[in-house]
C-alpha atoms as a PDB file:
ATOM      1  CA  MET A   1     175.130-172.281 153.196  1.00  0.00           C
ATOM      2  CA  LYS A   2     176.829-169.357 154.898  1.00  0.00           C
ATOM      3  CA  SER A   3     179.413-169.131 152.094  1.00  0.00           C
ATOM      4  CA  LEU A   4     176.608-169.087 149.488  1.00  0.00           C
ATOM      5  CA  ARG A   5     174.911-166.237 151.319  1.00  0.00           C
ATOM      6  CA  LEU A   6     178.187-164.328 151.457  1.00  0.00           C
ATOM      7  CA  LEU A   7     178.744-164.941 147.747  1.00  0.00           C
ATOM      8  CA  PHE A   8     175.226-163.749 146.938  1.00  0.00           C
ATOM      9  CA  PHE A   9     175.682-160.649 149.092  1.00  0.00           C
ATOM     10  CA  SER A  10     179.021-159.872 147.447  1.00  0.00           C
ATOM     11  CA  LEU A  11     177.552-160.172 143.961  1.00  0.00           C
ATOM     12  CA  LEU A  12     174.568-158.029 144.945  1.00  0.00           C
ATOM     13  CA  THR A  13     176.866-155.347 146.381  1.00  0.00           C
ATOM     14  CA  PHE A  14     179.038-155.423 143.264  1.00  0.00           C
ATOM     15  CA  HIS A  15     176.092-154.972 140.884  1.00  0.00           C
ATOM     16  CA  PHE A  16     174.593-152.259 143.074  1.00  0.00           C
ATOM     17  CA  SER A  17     177.865-150.335 143.018  1.00  0.00           C
ATOM     18  CA  LEU A  18     177.971-150.559 139.215  1.00  0.00           C
ATOM     19  CA  ALA A  19     174.411-149.326 138.940  1.00  0.00           C
ATOM     20  CA  GLN A  20     175.088-146.546 141.419  1.00  0.00           C
ATOM     21  CA  GLU A  21     178.100-145.410 139.393  1.00  0.00           C
ATOM     22  CA  PHE A  22     176.129-145.352 136.138  1.00  0.00           C
ATOM     23  CA  PHE A  23     173.074-143.659 137.574  1.00  0.00           C
ATOM     24  CA  SER A  24     174.902-141.281 139.946  1.00  0.00           C
ATOM     25  CA  ASP A  25     174.069-138.303 137.716  1.00  0.00           C
ATOM     26  CA  PRO A  26     170.629-136.696 138.190  1.00  0.00           C
ATOM     27  CA  LEU A  27     167.891-137.877 135.869  1.00  0.00           C
ATOM     28  CA  ALA A  28     166.189-135.127 133.885  1.00  0.00           C
ATOM     29  CA  HIS A  29     164.388-136.719 130.961  1.00  0.00           C
ATOM     30  CA  THR A  30     162.650-133.680 129.634  1.00  0.00           C
ATOM     31  CA  PHE A  31     162.003-131.152 126.890  1.00  0.00           C
ATOM     32  CA  SER A  32     163.592-127.724 126.863  1.00  0.00           C
ATOM     33  CA  ILE A  33     164.513-124.671 124.839  1.00  0.00           C
ATOM     34  CA  VAL A  34     167.563-122.432 124.981  1.00  0.00           C
ATOM     35  CA  ALA A  35     167.108-119.160 123.139  1.00  0.00           C
ATOM     36  CA  ARG A  36     168.298-115.621 122.507  1.00  0.00           C
ATOM     37  CA  ASP A  37     166.150-112.613 121.657  1.00  0.00           C
ATOM     38  CA  SER A  38     167.560-111.170 118.430  1.00  0.00           C
ATOM     39  CA  ILE A  39     166.329-107.669 119.356  1.00  0.00           C
ATOM     40  CA  THR A  40     167.129-107.314 123.066  1.00  0.00           C
ATOM     41  CA  GLY A  41     169.948-109.850 123.245  1.00  0.00           C
ATOM     42  CA  GLU A  42     168.372-111.530 126.293  1.00  0.00           C
ATOM     43  CA  MET A  43     169.119-115.243 126.636  1.00  0.00           C
ATOM     44  CA  GLY A  44     167.346-117.974 128.507  1.00  0.00           C
ATOM     45  CA  VAL A  45     166.301-121.546 129.195  1.00  0.00           C
ATOM     46  CA  ALA A  46     162.816-122.978 129.694  1.00  0.00           C
ATOM     47  CA  VAL A  47     162.174-126.603 130.619  1.00  0.00           C
ATOM     48  CA  GLN A  48     159.464-129.068 131.697  1.00  0.00           C
ATOM     49  CA  SER A  49     159.765-132.641 132.974  1.00  0.00           C
ATOM     50  CA  HIS A  50     158.109-135.387 134.949  1.00  0.00           C
ATOM     51  CA  TRP A  51     160.906-135.019 137.482  1.00  0.00           C
ATOM     52  CA  PHE A  52     161.069-133.034 140.698  1.00  0.00           C
ATOM     53  CA  SER A  53     162.775-129.620 140.530  1.00  0.00           C
ATOM     54  CA  VAL A  54     163.984-129.951 136.940  1.00  0.00           C
ATOM     55  CA  GLY A  55     165.148-126.336 136.795  1.00  0.00           C
ATOM     56  CA  SER A  56     167.761-126.882 139.493  1.00  0.00           C
ATOM     57  CA  VAL A  57     169.800-129.236 137.302  1.00  0.00           C
ATOM     58  CA  VAL A  58     168.955-128.422 133.671  1.00  0.00           C
ATOM     59  CA  SER A  59     169.022-124.610 133.456  1.00  0.00           C
ATOM     60  CA  TRP A  60     172.237-122.577 133.159  1.00  0.00           C
ATOM     61  CA  ALA A  61     172.617-119.005 131.923  1.00  0.00           C
ATOM     62  CA  GLU A  62     174.817-115.983 132.469  1.00  0.00           C
ATOM     63  CA  ALA A  63     174.331-112.431 131.231  1.00  0.00           C
ATOM     64  CA  GLY A  64     176.529-111.537 128.292  1.00  0.00           C
ATOM     65  CA  VAL A  65     177.657-115.157 127.986  1.00  0.00           C
ATOM     66  CA  GLY A  66     174.960-117.610 126.934  1.00  0.00           C
ATOM     67  CA  ALA A  67     172.416-120.204 128.016  1.00  0.00           C
ATOM     68  CA  ILE A  68     172.754-123.980 128.387  1.00  0.00           C
ATOM     69  CA  ALA A  69     170.396-126.906 128.979  1.00  0.00           C
ATOM     70  CA  THR A  70     171.985-130.149 130.182  1.00  0.00           C
ATOM     71  CA  GLN A  71     169.534-133.048 130.440  1.00  0.00           C
ATOM     72  CA  SER A  72     168.763-136.765 130.030  1.00  0.00           C
ATOM     73  CA  PHE A  73     171.302-138.439 132.377  1.00  0.00           C
ATOM     74  CA  VAL A  74     172.456-135.022 133.525  1.00  0.00           C
ATOM     75  CA  ASN A  75     176.055-134.085 134.057  1.00  0.00           C
ATOM     76  CA  PRO A  76     175.613-130.751 135.904  1.00  0.00           C
ATOM     77  CA  ALA A  77     179.274-129.902 135.339  1.00  0.00           C
ATOM     78  CA  LEU A  78     178.498-129.384 131.650  1.00  0.00           C
ATOM     79  CA  GLY A  79     176.444-126.329 132.564  1.00  0.00           C
ATOM     80  CA  GLN A  80     179.076-124.530 134.607  1.00  0.00           C
ATOM     81  CA  GLU A  81     182.008-125.622 132.451  1.00  0.00           C
ATOM     82  CA  GLY A  82     180.112-124.631 129.324  1.00  0.00           C
ATOM     83  CA  LEU A  83     179.543-121.104 130.604  1.00  0.00           C
ATOM     84  CA  GLU A  84     183.226-120.805 131.496  1.00  0.00           C
ATOM     85  CA  LEU A  85     184.229-121.795 127.952  1.00  0.00           C
ATOM     86  CA  LEU A  86     181.742-119.356 126.450  1.00  0.00           C
ATOM     87  CA  LYS A  87     183.248-116.595 128.588  1.00  0.00           C
ATOM     88  CA  LYS A  88     186.592-117.334 126.983  1.00  0.00           C
ATOM     89  CA  GLY A  89     185.097-116.462 123.608  1.00  0.00           C
ATOM     90  CA  LEU A  90     184.495-119.937 122.202  1.00  0.00           C
ATOM     91  CA  PRO A  91     181.392-120.237 119.983  1.00  0.00           C
ATOM     92  CA  ALA A  92     178.584-122.591 120.931  1.00  0.00           C
ATOM     93  CA  GLN A  93     179.641-125.474 118.674  1.00  0.00           C
ATOM     94  CA  LYS A  94     183.245-125.493 119.887  1.00  0.00           C
ATOM     95  CA  VAL A  95     182.059-125.426 123.486  1.00  0.00           C
ATOM     96  CA  LEU A  96     179.755-128.376 122.857  1.00  0.00           C
ATOM     97  CA  ASP A  97     182.480-130.319 121.046  1.00  0.00           C
ATOM     98  CA  SER A  98     184.863-129.764 123.946  1.00  0.00           C
ATOM     99  CA  LEU A  99     182.367-130.812 126.607  1.00  0.00           C
ATOM    100  CA  ILE A 100     181.015-133.876 124.801  1.00  0.00           C
ATOM    101  CA  GLY A 101     184.452-134.949 123.601  1.00  0.00           C
ATOM    102  CA  LYS A 102     185.728-135.533 127.122  1.00  0.00           C
ATOM    103  CA  ASP A 103     182.475-136.842 128.629  1.00  0.00           C
ATOM    104  CA  GLU A 104     182.510-140.650 128.950  1.00  0.00           C
ATOM    105  CA  GLY A 105     178.751-140.571 129.418  1.00  0.00           C
ATOM    106  CA  ARG A 106     178.148-138.715 126.161  1.00  0.00           C
ATOM    107  CA  ASP A 107     175.897-141.456 124.747  1.00  0.00           C
ATOM    108  CA  VAL A 108     173.253-140.787 127.411  1.00  0.00           C
ATOM    109  CA  ARG A 109     173.618-137.011 127.489  1.00  0.00           C
ATOM    110  CA  GLN A 110     171.550-134.310 125.878  1.00  0.00           C
ATOM    111  CA  LEU A 111     173.056-130.839 125.755  1.00  0.00           C
ATOM    112  CA  ALA A 112     172.104-127.547 124.076  1.00  0.00           C
ATOM    113  CA  ILE A 113     173.880-124.189 123.963  1.00  0.00           C
ATOM    114  CA  VAL A 114     173.129-120.703 122.669  1.00  0.00           C
ATOM    115  CA  ASP A 115     175.851-118.071 122.915  1.00  0.00           C
ATOM    116  CA  ALA A 116     175.655-114.284 123.149  1.00  0.00           C
ATOM    117  CA  GLN A 117     175.856-113.969 119.353  1.00  0.00           C
ATOM    118  CA  GLY A 118     172.912-116.313 118.811  1.00  0.00           C
ATOM    119  CA  ARG A 119     174.997-119.250 117.599  1.00  0.00           C
ATOM    120  CA  THR A 120     173.598-122.602 118.714  1.00  0.00           C
ATOM    121  CA  ALA A 121     174.734-126.203 119.101  1.00  0.00           C
ATOM    122  CA  ALA A 122     173.054-129.317 120.446  1.00  0.00           C
ATOM    123  CA  TRP A 123     173.830-132.964 121.137  1.00  0.00           C
ATOM    124  CA  THR A 124     171.522-135.944 121.579  1.00  0.00           C
ATOM    125  CA  GLY A 125     173.396-139.073 122.603  1.00  0.00           C
ATOM    126  CA  SER A 126     172.727-142.330 120.781  1.00  0.00           C
ATOM    127  CA  LYS A 127     171.445-143.977 123.975  1.00  0.00           C
ATOM    128  CA  CYS A 128     169.062-141.222 125.045  1.00  0.00           C
ATOM    129  CA  ILE A 129     165.691-142.874 125.610  1.00  0.00           C
ATOM    130  CA  PRO A 130     163.362-142.506 122.587  1.00  0.00           C
ATOM    131  CA  GLU A 131     161.699-140.520 121.431  1.00  0.00           C
ATOM    132  CA  ALA A 132     164.642-138.129 121.534  1.00  0.00           C
ATOM    133  CA  GLY A 133     166.017-135.437 119.277  1.00  0.00           C
ATOM    134  CA  ASN A 134     166.760-131.763 118.765  1.00  0.00           C
ATOM    135  CA  ILE A 135     166.443-128.891 116.287  1.00  0.00           C
ATOM    136  CA  THR A 136     168.943-126.041 116.205  1.00  0.00           C
ATOM    137  CA  GLU A 137     168.487-122.788 114.336  1.00  0.00           C
ATOM    138  CA  GLU A 138     169.923-119.329 114.723  1.00  0.00           C
ATOM    139  CA  ASN A 139     169.070-117.946 118.182  1.00  0.00           C
ATOM    140  CA  PHE A 140     167.399-121.095 119.535  1.00  0.00           C
ATOM    141  CA  SER A 141     167.618-124.817 120.066  1.00  0.00           C
ATOM    142  CA  VAL A 142     164.854-127.198 121.171  1.00  0.00           C
ATOM    143  CA  GLN A 143     165.595-130.677 122.513  1.00  0.00           C
ATOM    144  CA  ALA A 144     163.731-133.540 124.135  1.00  0.00           C
ATOM    145  CA  ASN A 145     164.144-137.108 125.309  1.00  0.00           C
ATOM    146  CA  LEU A 146     161.799-139.781 126.677  1.00  0.00           C
ATOM    147  CA  MET A 147     158.932-138.153 124.794  1.00  0.00           C
ATOM    148  CA  LEU A 148     155.617-139.723 123.839  1.00  0.00           C
ATOM    149  CA  ASN A 149     156.393-139.141 120.163  1.00  0.00           C
ATOM    150  CA  SER A 150     158.836-137.452 117.798  1.00  0.00           C
ATOM    151  CA  GLN A 151     156.579-134.441 117.154  1.00  0.00           C
ATOM    152  CA  VAL A 152     157.396-132.719 120.438  1.00  0.00           C
ATOM    153  CA  TRP A 153     160.531-130.773 119.535  1.00  0.00           C
ATOM    154  CA  PRO A 154     159.372-129.813 115.995  1.00  0.00           C
ATOM    155  CA  ALA A 155     156.195-128.399 117.562  1.00  0.00           C
ATOM    156  CA  MET A 156     158.318-126.415 120.008  1.00  0.00           C
ATOM    157  CA  ALA A 157     160.462-124.960 117.228  1.00  0.00           C
ATOM    158  CA  LYS A 158     157.399-123.958 115.230  1.00  0.00           C
ATOM    159  CA  ALA A 159     155.737-122.284 118.210  1.00  0.00           C
ATOM    160  CA  PHE A 160     158.844-120.327 119.165  1.00  0.00           C
ATOM    161  CA  LYS A 161     159.298-118.991 115.634  1.00  0.00           C
ATOM    162  CA  GLU A 162     155.636-118.099 115.199  1.00  0.00           C
ATOM    163  CA  THR A 163     155.040-116.476 118.592  1.00  0.00           C
ATOM    164  CA  ASN A 164     155.491-112.727 118.961  1.00  0.00           C
ATOM    165  CA  GLY A 165     156.437-110.907 122.133  1.00  0.00           C
ATOM    166  CA  ARG A 166     159.136-111.097 124.751  1.00  0.00           C
ATOM    167  CA  LEU A 167     161.607-113.951 125.035  1.00  0.00           C
ATOM    168  CA  ALA A 168     160.131-115.504 128.188  1.00  0.00           C
ATOM    169  CA  GLU A 169     156.613-115.635 126.748  1.00  0.00           C
ATOM    170  CA  ARG A 170     157.908-117.132 123.501  1.00  0.00           C
ATOM    171  CA  MET A 171     159.817-119.854 125.361  1.00  0.00           C
ATOM    172  CA  ILE A 172     156.774-120.772 127.420  1.00  0.00           C
ATOM    173  CA  ALA A 173     154.750-120.925 124.196  1.00  0.00           C
ATOM    174  CA  ALA A 174     157.316-123.461 122.980  1.00  0.00           C
ATOM    175  CA  LEU A 175     156.836-125.544 126.139  1.00  0.00           C
ATOM    176  CA  GLU A 176     153.062-125.426 125.724  1.00  0.00           C
ATOM    177  CA  ALA A 177     153.392-126.620 122.132  1.00  0.00           C
ATOM    178  CA  GLY A 178     155.677-129.446 123.175  1.00  0.00           C
ATOM    179  CA  GLN A 179     153.209-130.569 125.799  1.00  0.00           C
ATOM    180  CA  ALA A 180     150.289-130.312 123.380  1.00  0.00           C
ATOM    181  CA  ALA A 181     152.181-132.491 120.895  1.00  0.00           C
ATOM    182  CA  GLY A 182     152.589-135.264 123.456  1.00  0.00           C
ATOM    183  CA  GLY A 183     155.218-134.149 125.944  1.00  0.00           C
ATOM    184  CA  ASP A 184     157.061-136.361 128.404  1.00  0.00           C
ATOM    185  CA  ILE A 185     155.783-139.941 128.124  1.00  0.00           C
ATOM    186  CA  ARG A 186     155.613-140.106 131.932  1.00  0.00           C
ATOM    187  CA  GLY A 187     153.483-136.972 132.336  1.00  0.00           C
ATOM    188  CA  LYS A 188     154.121-133.619 134.038  1.00  0.00           C
ATOM    189  CA  GLN A 189     155.673-132.499 137.322  1.00  0.00           C
ATOM    190  CA  SER A 190     158.036-129.510 137.247  1.00  0.00           C
ATOM    191  CA  ALA A 191     159.028-126.593 135.030  1.00  0.00           C
ATOM    192  CA  ALA A 192     161.368-123.617 135.106  1.00  0.00           C
ATOM    193  CA  ILE A 193     162.415-120.525 133.205  1.00  0.00           C
ATOM    194  CA  LEU A 194     165.624-118.526 133.486  1.00  0.00           C
ATOM    195  CA  VAL A 195     166.302-115.316 131.513  1.00  0.00           C
ATOM    196  CA  VAL A 196     169.450-113.185 131.708  1.00  0.00           C
ATOM    197  CA  LYS A 197     170.450-109.838 130.218  1.00  0.00           C
ATOM    198  CA  ALA A 198     172.371-109.385 126.997  1.00  0.00           C
ATOM    199  CA  THR A 199     175.187-107.603 128.807  1.00  0.00           C
ATOM    200  CA  ALA A 200     176.574-108.367 132.250  1.00  0.00           C
ATOM    201  CA  THR A 201     176.564-105.665 134.914  1.00  0.00           C
ATOM    202  CA  GLY A 202     178.466-107.719 137.473  1.00  0.00           C
ATOM    203  CA  LYS A 203     175.403-107.666 139.726  1.00  0.00           C
ATOM    204  CA  LEU A 204     173.731-111.072 139.703  1.00  0.00           C
ATOM    205  CA  TRP A 205     170.477-109.692 141.096  1.00  0.00           C
ATOM    206  CA  GLU A 206     170.228-107.374 138.092  1.00  0.00           C
ATOM    207  CA  ASP A 207     171.660-109.695 135.448  1.00  0.00           C
ATOM    208  CA  ARG A 208     169.112-112.439 136.133  1.00  0.00           C
ATOM    209  CA  GLU A 209     165.935-110.877 134.848  1.00  0.00           C
ATOM    210  CA  ILE A 210     163.651-113.882 135.424  1.00  0.00           C
ATOM    211  CA  ASP A 211     164.271-116.973 137.536  1.00  0.00           C
ATOM    212  CA  LEU A 212     161.038-118.887 138.193  1.00  0.00           C
ATOM    213  CA  ARG A 213     160.522-122.528 139.135  1.00  0.00           C
ATOM    214  CA  VAL A 214     157.587-124.837 139.633  1.00  0.00           C
ATOM    215  CA  GLU A 215     158.993-127.753 141.588  1.00  0.00           C
ATOM    216  CA  ASP A 216     155.993-130.101 141.874  1.00  0.00           C
ATOM    217  CA  ASN A 217     152.639-129.395 140.256  1.00  0.00           C
ATOM    218  CA  PRO A 218     150.106-131.381 138.185  1.00  0.00           C
ATOM    219  CA  GLU A 219     150.142-128.587 135.555  1.00  0.00           C
ATOM    220  CA  PRO A 220     153.670-127.150 135.779  1.00  0.00           C
ATOM    221  CA  ILE A 221     153.708-125.226 132.498  1.00  0.00           C
ATOM    222  CA  GLN A 222     150.421-123.498 133.234  1.00  0.00           C
ATOM    223  CA  GLU A 223     151.617-122.652 136.728  1.00  0.00           C
ATOM    224  CA  LEU A 224     154.868-121.305 135.294  1.00  0.00           C
ATOM    225  CA  LYS A 225     152.856-119.203 132.859  1.00  0.00           C
ATOM    226  CA  ARG A 226     150.773-117.843 135.747  1.00  0.00           C
ATOM    227  CA  LEU A 227     153.903-117.005 137.745  1.00  0.00           C
ATOM    228  CA  LEU A 228     155.351-115.172 134.759  1.00  0.00           C
ATOM    229  CA  GLN A 229     152.211-113.046 134.583  1.00  0.00           C
ATOM    230  CA  VAL A 230     152.556-112.263 138.294  1.00  0.00           C
ATOM    231  CA  PHE A 231     156.183-111.362 137.655  1.00  0.00           C
ATOM    232  CA  ARG A 232     155.113-108.967 134.885  1.00  0.00           C
ATOM    233  CA  ALA A 233     152.573-107.408 137.249  1.00  0.00           C
ATOM    234  CA  TYR A 234     155.277-106.653 139.793  1.00  0.00           C
ATOM    235  CA  GLU A 235     157.427-105.198 137.004  1.00  0.00           C
ATOM    236  CA  TYR A 236     154.672-102.649 136.461  1.00  0.00           C
ATOM    237  CA  MET A 237     154.428-102.035 140.216  1.00  0.00           C
ATOM    238  CA  ASN A 238     158.146-101.311 140.376  1.00  0.00           C
ATOM    239  CA  ALA A 239     157.878 -99.025 137.359  1.00  0.00           C
ATOM    240  CA  GLY A 240     155.002 -97.216 139.049  1.00  0.00           C
ATOM    241  CA  ASP A 241     157.060 -96.698 142.180  1.00  0.00           C
ATOM    242  CA  LEU A 242     159.925 -95.299 140.119  1.00  0.00           C
ATOM    243  CA  ALA A 243     157.597 -92.928 138.283  1.00  0.00           C
ATOM    244  CA  THR A 244     156.198 -91.800 141.624  1.00  0.00           C
ATOM    245  CA  GLU A 245     159.696 -90.972 142.864  1.00  0.00           C
ATOM    246  CA  LYS A 246     160.097 -88.779 139.775  1.00  0.00           C
ATOM    247  CA  LYS A 247     156.722 -87.108 140.477  1.00  0.00           C
ATOM    248  CA  ASP A 248     155.339 -88.461 137.190  1.00  0.00           C
ATOM    249  CA  MET A 249     151.957 -89.433 138.559  1.00  0.00           C
ATOM    250  CA  GLN A 250     150.337 -89.958 135.164  1.00  0.00           C
ATOM    251  CA  THR A 251     152.860 -92.680 134.308  1.00  0.00           C
ATOM    252  CA  ALA A 252     152.694 -94.096 137.840  1.00  0.00           C
ATOM    253  CA  MET A 253     148.922 -94.450 137.739  1.00  0.00           C
ATOM    254  CA  ARG A 254     149.118 -96.112 134.321  1.00  0.00           C
ATOM    255  CA  ASP A 255     151.704 -98.647 135.516  1.00  0.00           C
ATOM    256  CA  TYR A 256     149.840 -99.391 138.748  1.00  0.00           C
ATOM    257  CA  ARG A 257     146.664 -99.976 136.772  1.00  0.00           C
ATOM    258  CA  LYS A 258     148.442-102.393 134.442  1.00  0.00           C
ATOM    259  CA  ALA A 259     149.816-104.271 137.440  1.00  0.00           C
ATOM    260  CA  GLU A 260     146.384-104.646 138.977  1.00  0.00           C
ATOM    261  CA  LEU A 261     144.887-105.850 135.702  1.00  0.00           C
ATOM    262  CA  LEU A 262     147.526-108.576 135.477  1.00  0.00           C
ATOM    263  CA  PHE A 263     147.036-109.641 139.101  1.00  0.00           C
ATOM    264  CA  PRO A 264     143.524-108.518 140.077  1.00  0.00           C
ATOM    265  CA  GLY A 265     143.227-110.705 143.142  1.00  0.00           C
ATOM    266  CA  ASN A 266     146.220-109.270 144.975  1.00  0.00           C
ATOM    267  CA  PRO A 267     145.215-106.735 147.692  1.00  0.00           C
ATOM    268  CA  GLU A 268     148.820-105.723 148.354  1.00  0.00           C
ATOM    269  CA  MET A 269     149.162-104.075 144.943  1.00  0.00           C
ATOM    270  CA  LYS A 270     146.024-102.052 145.578  1.00  0.00           C
ATOM    271  CA  PHE A 271     147.229-101.137 149.072  1.00  0.00           C
ATOM    272  CA  TRP A 272     150.581 -99.702 148.006  1.00  0.00           C
ATOM    273  CA  HIS A 273     148.931 -98.038 145.048  1.00  0.00           C
ATOM    274  CA  ALA A 274     146.578 -96.291 147.480  1.00  0.00           C
ATOM    275  CA  VAL A 275     149.436 -95.343 149.822  1.00  0.00           C
ATOM    276  CA  THR A 276     151.283 -93.754 146.897  1.00  0.00           C
ATOM    277  CA  MET A 277     148.175 -91.806 145.969  1.00  0.00           C
ATOM    278  CA  VAL A 278     147.875 -90.414 149.501  1.00  0.00           C
ATOM    279  CA  ASN A 279     151.538 -89.443 149.505  1.00  0.00           C
ATOM    280  CA  ASN A 280     150.861 -87.455 146.346  1.00  0.00           C
ATOM    281  CA  GLY A 281     147.745 -85.707 147.641  1.00  0.00           C
ATOM    282  CA  MET A 282     145.238 -87.927 145.837  1.00  0.00           C
ATOM    283  CA  ILE A 283     143.255 -88.745 148.976  1.00  0.00           C
ATOM    284  CA  ARG A 284     139.779 -89.212 147.532  1.00  0.00           C
ATOM    285  CA  GLU A 285     141.100 -91.288 144.629  1.00  0.00           C
ATOM    286  CA  ALA A 286     142.806 -93.603 147.132  1.00  0.00           C
ATOM    287  CA  LEU A 287     139.764 -94.269 149.320  1.00  0.00           C
ATOM    288  CA  PRO A 288     138.013 -96.828 147.053  1.00  0.00           C
ATOM    289  CA  LEU A 289     141.228 -98.853 146.910  1.00  0.00           C
ATOM    290  CA  PHE A 290     141.625 -98.792 150.691  1.00  0.00           C
ATOM    291  CA  LYS A 291     138.005 -99.850 151.105  1.00  0.00           C
ATOM    292  CA  GLU A 292     138.508-102.818 148.783  1.00  0.00           C
ATOM    293  CA  VAL A 293     141.713-103.887 150.533  1.00  0.00           C
ATOM    294  CA  PHE A 294     140.258-103.575 154.043  1.00  0.00           C
ATOM    295  CA  ALA A 295     137.239-105.627 152.975  1.00  0.00           C
ATOM    296  CA  ALA A 296     139.573-108.415 151.913  1.00  0.00           C
ATOM    297  CA  ASP A 297     141.593-108.349 155.150  1.00  0.00           C
ATOM    298  CA  GLU A 298     141.317-105.782 157.959  1.00  0.00           C
ATOM    299  CA  ASN A 299     144.926-106.405 158.970  1.00  0.00           C
ATOM    300  CA  TRP A 300     145.922-103.973 156.225  1.00  0.00           C
ATOM    301  CA  ALA A 301     144.297-101.200 158.256  1.00  0.00           C
ATOM    302  CA  ILE A 302     146.695-101.920 161.140  1.00  0.00           C
ATOM    303  CA  LEU A 303     149.536-100.862 158.850  1.00  0.00           C
ATOM    304  CA  ILE A 304     148.223 -97.326 158.347  1.00  0.00           C
ATOM    305  CA  PRO A 305     149.458 -95.823 161.670  1.00  0.00           C
ATOM    306  CA  ARG A 306     152.614 -97.909 161.498  1.00  0.00           C
ATOM    307  CA  LEU A 307     153.478 -96.490 158.076  1.00  0.00           C
ATOM    308  CA  ARG A 308     152.853 -92.959 159.366  1.00  0.00           C
ATOM    309  CA  LYS A 309     155.191 -93.587 162.282  1.00  0.00           C
ATOM    310  CA  VAL A 310     158.148 -94.426 160.019  1.00  0.00           C
ATOM    311  CA  GLY A 311     157.402 -91.772 157.417  1.00  0.00           C
ATOM    312  CA  GLN A 312     156.063 -94.075 154.711  1.00  0.00           C
ATOM    313  CA  LEU A 313     152.577 -92.542 154.746  1.00  0.00           C
ATOM    314  CA  ASN A 314     152.404 -88.760 154.650  1.00  0.00           C
ATOM    315  CA  CYS A 315     149.159 -87.628 156.198  1.00  0.00           C
ATOM    316  CA  ASP A 316     147.765 -85.997 159.335  1.00  0.00           C
ATOM    317  CA  ASP A 317     145.473 -87.447 162.002  1.00  0.00           C
ATOM    318  CA  GLU A 318     142.334 -86.369 160.161  1.00  0.00           C
ATOM    319  CA  ILE A 319     143.293 -88.063 156.919  1.00  0.00           C
ATOM    320  CA  GLU A 320     144.444 -91.176 158.767  1.00  0.00           C
ATOM    321  CA  ALA A 321     141.047 -91.402 160.466  1.00  0.00           C
ATOM    322  CA  PHE A 322     139.365 -90.857 157.100  1.00  0.00           C
ATOM    323  CA  ILE A 323     141.354 -93.733 155.589  1.00  0.00           C
ATOM    324  CA  LEU A 324     140.645 -96.060 158.508  1.00  0.00           C
ATOM    325  CA  SER A 325     136.943 -95.279 158.359  1.00  0.00           C
ATOM    326  CA  GLN A 326     136.854 -97.165 155.034  1.00  0.00           C
ATOM    327  CA  LYS A 327     136.997-100.497 156.810  1.00  0.00           C
ATOM    328  CA  THR A 328     133.555 -99.974 158.350  1.00  0.00           C
ATOM    329  CA  ARG A 329     131.780 -98.441 155.379  1.00  0.00           C
END
């Protein structure tokens, strides 16, 4: 009896080790798009899956180089190695051929590449779980596996081509179309978008224009879309600050207003907008904003003397008292 138990345990361990070896790569059954903006040259990846933190394994992009999505039974090395080959000047198809050619797990892989010239290539392995497929055209590729139906990736391609605007918004439109067509057969959980510049500066924090992730959410694409709008609002805030530094208050006020329209519920935008107004002598114009912010949370009023102390708010005692009086009016 003991020997039978040992035999059973040995067989169980053997089969577990085989399964562990086969499934050691992350699972990212998903739908995604890699794309390049033909006008700006920006490149990016957008993805959605019923899998936690899909963006951390699927999305790869580098400014001036290209963008890659590696999914299904993911081999993350394909992302990094693919970017290295693109940097050597290889076009998308040759990079894909090289990566897939030496990958023993190619039958369960799905891989898509767009390079800095807008050339694309994609691979859907023969053992990717149906429905699975891809469409590649100049400047973009859409791909999906484990979908509810085979209409997902065609719907994504159509939406991307028919949507106007900036690259990030067009890619999210493609995700929305894929979801509307059926999406992941398992449902929804995470989404991500990564956009890089057309030309590398050598500064990662500048080269990565957008890097947003929704790790676990019942409506990940809609949350990603909301986050992108917040991101755009802060772009306007930053532009307003820059205009203020240049003493271009007309442009600054326009950009601050756009920011607040995109993110109306954020008191911090209104607060710094008001501070900038005070620093430029627009005291009375700033008071309604301070009043609104203080009504939302009086802690903002505590910052007024602190900002004066470090030179971030330029006003005298009388104006400071006038500002602080807004919290009781």
